[in-house]
């Protein structure tokens, strides 16, 4: 019974955090997503939105940390991992680490992130 309540709380904070991230309300999003993590540490979606909100707030190191945690709990599936690598690429680009950013974007060339990662590689960073 406690597990159901915990899951519901995590889902509620995740949904709110995702909506706030999309709306550009990053500080509020981060607060909700960090609450979601208190209830559920193995949900890759929480880490994805947290990485996005941190990137939007130029908190590059926190974004990278969220991406690494997301990758650690994500299934071994390139399409699912792509979102974390894409966020990681943005954070590394923000930090000015072009080589690492290029590598992250190359790992993001799958599924719905393929086109955006390709754009970063070819036009933004001009990776080799």
Protein backbone atom coordinates (compact mmCIF):
# COMPACT_ATOMS: atom_id res chain seq x y z
CA UNK A 1 0.00 0.00 0.00
CA UNK A 2 2.84 2.39 0.89
CA UNK A 3 4.48 1.58 -2.45
CA UNK A 4 1.34 2.73 -4.32
CA UNK A 5 1.27 6.05 -2.45
CA UNK A 6 4.99 6.59 -3.07
CA UNK A 7 4.54 5.86 -6.79
CA UNK A 8 1.55 8.22 -6.98
CA UNK A 9 3.49 11.02 -5.28
CA UNK A 10 6.44 10.55 -7.64
CA UNK A 11 4.10 10.57 -10.67
CA UNK A 12 2.36 13.74 -9.48
CA UNK A 13 5.62 15.64 -8.97
CA UNK A 14 7.05 14.28 -12.24
CA UNK A 15 3.97 15.39 -14.22
CA UNK A 16 4.09 18.84 -12.64
CA UNK A 17 7.85 19.14 -13.14
CA UNK A 18 7.62 18.10 -16.78
CA UNK A 19 4.86 20.65 -17.42
CA UNK A 20 6.82 23.42 -15.67
CA UNK A 21 10.00 22.55 -17.62
CA UNK A 22 8.09 22.76 -20.91
CA UNK A 23 6.62 26.10 -19.78
CA UNK A 24 10.11 27.45 -19.03
CA UNK A 25 9.49 27.69 -15.27
CA UNK A 26 12.75 25.96 -14.46
CA UNK A 27 13.21 26.82 -10.77
CA UNK A 28 9.71 25.53 -9.98
CA UNK A 29 10.28 22.50 -12.20
CA UNK A 30 13.53 21.63 -10.43
CA UNK A 31 11.81 21.89 -7.04
CA UNK A 32 9.03 19.48 -8.11
CA UNK A 33 11.40 17.06 -9.86
CA UNK A 34 13.68 16.92 -6.82
CA UNK A 35 10.57 16.08 -4.75
CA UNK A 36 9.72 13.32 -7.24
CA UNK A 37 13.22 11.87 -6.70
CA UNK A 38 12.57 11.60 -2.96
CA UNK A 39 9.81 9.12 -3.79
CA UNK A 40 11.35 7.32 -6.77
CA UNK A 41 15.06 7.20 -7.66
CA UNK A 42 14.89 4.73 -10.54
CA UNK A 43 12.61 6.62 -12.96
CA UNK A 44 14.64 7.80 -15.98
CA UNK A 45 11.98 10.37 -16.94
CA UNK A 46 12.58 12.32 -13.74
CA UNK A 47 16.28 12.57 -14.60
CA UNK A 48 15.49 13.59 -18.20
CA UNK A 49 13.29 16.51 -17.16
CA UNK A 50 15.69 17.44 -14.38
CA UNK A 51 18.55 17.50 -16.91
CA UNK A 52 16.44 19.69 -19.20
CA UNK A 53 15.51 22.13 -16.42
CA UNK A 54 19.13 22.32 -15.23
CA UNK A 55 20.31 22.97 -18.81
CA UNK A 56 17.68 25.69 -19.23
CA UNK A 57 19.04 27.24 -16.00
CA UNK A 58 22.67 26.93 -17.21
CA UNK A 59 23.46 24.61 -14.28
CA UNK A 60 25.68 22.46 -16.49
CA UNK A 61 27.29 20.24 -13.83
CA UNK A 62 23.92 19.42 -12.25
CA UNK A 63 22.55 18.65 -15.73
CA UNK A 64 25.45 16.28 -16.43
CA UNK A 65 24.89 14.56 -13.09
CA UNK A 66 21.17 14.13 -13.87
CA UNK A 67 22.04 12.70 -17.31
CA UNK A 68 24.48 10.19 -15.83
CA UNK A 69 21.89 9.08 -13.27
CA UNK A 70 19.27 8.81 -16.03
CA UNK A 71 21.60 6.65 -18.10
CA UNK A 72 22.30 4.48 -15.05
CA UNK A 73 18.61 3.63 -14.59
CA UNK A 74 17.54 3.68 -18.25
CA UNK A 75 17.05 0.40 -20.06
CA UNK A 76 19.88 -0.68 -22.33
CA UNK A 77 18.07 0.75 -25.35
CA UNK A 78 19.70 3.36 -27.61
CA UNK A 79 16.38 5.06 -28.42
CA UNK A 80 15.63 5.50 -24.71
CA UNK A 81 19.18 6.54 -23.81
CA UNK A 82 19.28 9.15 -26.59
CA UNK A 83 17.36 11.74 -24.55
CA UNK A 84 19.94 11.62 -21.75
CA UNK A 85 22.85 11.84 -24.20
CA UNK A 86 21.16 14.78 -25.93
CA UNK A 87 20.80 16.68 -22.64
CA UNK A 88 24.39 15.74 -21.79
CA UNK A 89 25.54 17.15 -25.13
CA UNK A 90 23.76 20.43 -24.41
CA UNK A 91 25.34 20.65 -20.94
CA UNK A 92 28.84 19.87 -22.24
CA UNK A 93 28.36 22.40 -25.04
CA UNK A 94 27.30 24.94 -22.38
CA UNK A 95 30.48 24.20 -20.44
CA UNK A 96 32.55 24.69 -23.59
CA UNK A 97 33.72 21.07 -23.87
CA UNK A 98 33.26 20.60 -27.62
CA UNK A 99 34.88 17.15 -27.93
CA UNK A 100 32.79 15.60 -25.15
CA UNK A 101 29.66 17.37 -26.43
CA UNK A 102 30.23 15.94 -29.92
CA UNK A 103 30.59 12.44 -28.46
CA UNK A 104 27.41 12.83 -26.42
CA UNK A 105 25.44 14.08 -29.44
CA UNK A 106 26.75 11.12 -31.50
CA UNK A 107 25.28 8.81 -28.83
CA UNK A 108 21.98 10.71 -29.14
CA UNK A 109 21.52 9.96 -32.87
CA UNK A 110 18.52 7.69 -32.25
CA UNK A 111 14.75 7.93 -32.22
CA UNK A 112 13.13 11.30 -31.68
CA UNK A 113 16.44 12.98 -30.77
CA UNK A 114 18.27 12.00 -33.97
CA UNK A 115 17.40 15.12 -35.96
CA UNK A 116 18.28 17.60 -33.18
CA UNK A 117 21.52 15.78 -32.34
CA UNK A 118 22.46 15.75 -36.06
CA UNK A 119 21.87 19.51 -36.23
CA UNK A 120 24.12 20.12 -33.19
CA UNK A 121 26.87 17.91 -34.69
CA UNK A 122 26.78 19.47 -38.18
CA UNK A 123 25.80 23.10 -37.65
CA UNK A 124 26.36 24.14 -34.04
CA UNK A 125 29.56 22.33 -33.05
CA UNK A 126 30.79 21.27 -36.51
CA UNK A 127 32.09 17.98 -35.08
CA UNK A 128 34.62 15.93 -37.05
